């Protein structure tokens, strides 16, 4: 019976107060199990006059980081520009893990991921770095400035929670240093696990953060967590409205007029370079863009803050192949020259603090994105006064781009005026712009409507766009599931039918979002868009508002593949996830069918080999179900255990001893 199937001479680590530089595996049975449910480690990066950026401390000290990861953390923990970075700055980065898994998964992690929304599950191959950087004048330091970063390294994309945590911990740490950090880590090690669907109280430094961990069962906009009723918290908790959502309206204020076009670029997995004046603006804009597709998981690569010292610099800037599916946040205008062959570049200016809507960036011809003259710059992390002298006057003088001491690649700085803010692209939007949304947001701004209300309006609009796009895919995918009446106990369950794009597109013409969504436009084109990007000098496509990039290189750009949604990482990620869920559902239905059948009647004419095979198959599925990998009811699990005992009892004593050793 079958039951079915660049770091050469990069920054060097310095020995910290709490232990030696990180090396070696974390031992099994470590007391940091609860800590590791939230964070991988805490890093302190300082500027050493001899070494440049140096990893001063990793805590817990036994957490293993490779040399390449240490180098990336050091470079990404300091802004590579100093415009507006005097004082305290918060931003984030994302780096690729080098090598295999460092530590075994903790109990409940897999279960937690299975209950979390796809976009909020742990990153298996990347680390998030949440940075609090301080640069202040200090006469006791040789160079006259105190420069240090506190970095939280995690696999969880809980940017809002960890920014709030850094806001509490970092100022105290910069005053008291290591003892404060050790106490905070011990407090985090007492936190309950971040189980989806729970509202948790997280005490740290005399403050209680109250957060709701999102789950798949939540409504798209659950709102702030409800206060806990079973305990009285003193002092009163600080309630965070979300662990991961940024102030979307504030992030998108300069690009509100083109938010739908940017949503389309994100949906199609298009390469996008975001050039911002600071790491804070860069990282927030990239994270806001990647959150546009919720509840669809953003499956392309993205880097909220990226420098030329990153180990993937050559990989992302090569001209020998099409640009990768990545959203890249940078602050160095050198990237405009290096990535001028990219099809979409968003240049944003300094954020406006006034209540008025800032001037909206314009769609511009990429040919107007002039190649910048570059030359090696002086040593980085110079005090602000020294830096201004090196940069000189002119519009470009506010942007300083320098190389770190000991870095193998000379950093470059832009000379001459920077390109004005704008979205430089040849892409023509498929959907009509929702002018009513823009007017509503503008009216809310004039009436001084709170930013969280404006964000809710904008987020709901983006959610409706994504749902309108994904619902036809969900309906077609559900039609591929075998009927439940075809699932019989003692036969291999029927297979899930394959996804056929032609069949889906044929059905789409009769039941697609163009018939149900208020927003009009070429919805069908979003699914089957296959327009090749054209090289310089080729005619402009009909209806296009922009020309393509004028390449500085005499070599033509490499041929670009079709950029249909079906070929994007988003479709691949969505399809794999849905097919995995359907396979688990099919397996659960088959197990239920077995448990509802008469096992004693089935065993009457079966050999011992067939009975043993049934026992092993049932045990395997029982383990998977108990590990929350199968959606099975508790009554079914009890019945499966009873069937296993019944089947074992029908076998000879010697086989029973093998299957149930003492």
Foldseek 3Di string as FASTA:
>chain_A
DDQDDQDDQFAEAAQEPQGGAADDFDDPPDLQQLLQLWFLWKWKWFQDPPRGIYTHDIPVRHRDADPQRRRVCRVQQDKLWCQVQAAKDKFKWKAWGPDADRYDDDPPLVVQQVFAQVQFHFDRTMKMKIKIWHWYADPVDPQRITTMIMITIHRTQQRVQVVVVCVVQVVVCVVVPDVSVVQQSVQSSPFDRLHAQDWGWRDGPQATETAHHHTPPADPQNFWDDDDDPDDDPPDHDTDRHRHDDLLCQLCLQAVQCLLVLQLCQLLLAEEEEAEQILHSQLVNQSSSQCLQPVQHRQFAEISEDDCLRPCNCVQQDQPAAHGSYYYGYHACLVCQSVLQGAKYFYDYDRDPDLARDHHAEEAASQLQDHFDKDFFAEGPRPPVVQLVRQDDAQQSSTGGAHHPRGPDRIIHTDHHHDDGHMHHQDDDQWDGDVVLVVVLNVCSVVVPDSVVNSVSVSVVSNVVNCLLCVLVVVVQVVQFDDLVQQAAPDHGDDRDDDDPVVSLVVCVVPHSCVPPPTHGRSSCQQVVFDWQDWPPDDRDPPTPYHGYDRPDPDIGDTDGGSHSCPHSSVVVVVVVVSQLSVLASSQSNLLNNLVDDLVVVPPPDDLVVLVVLLVVLVVVLVCVVSVSHPHDPVSSVSSVVSSVVSLVVDDPVVVCVVDPD
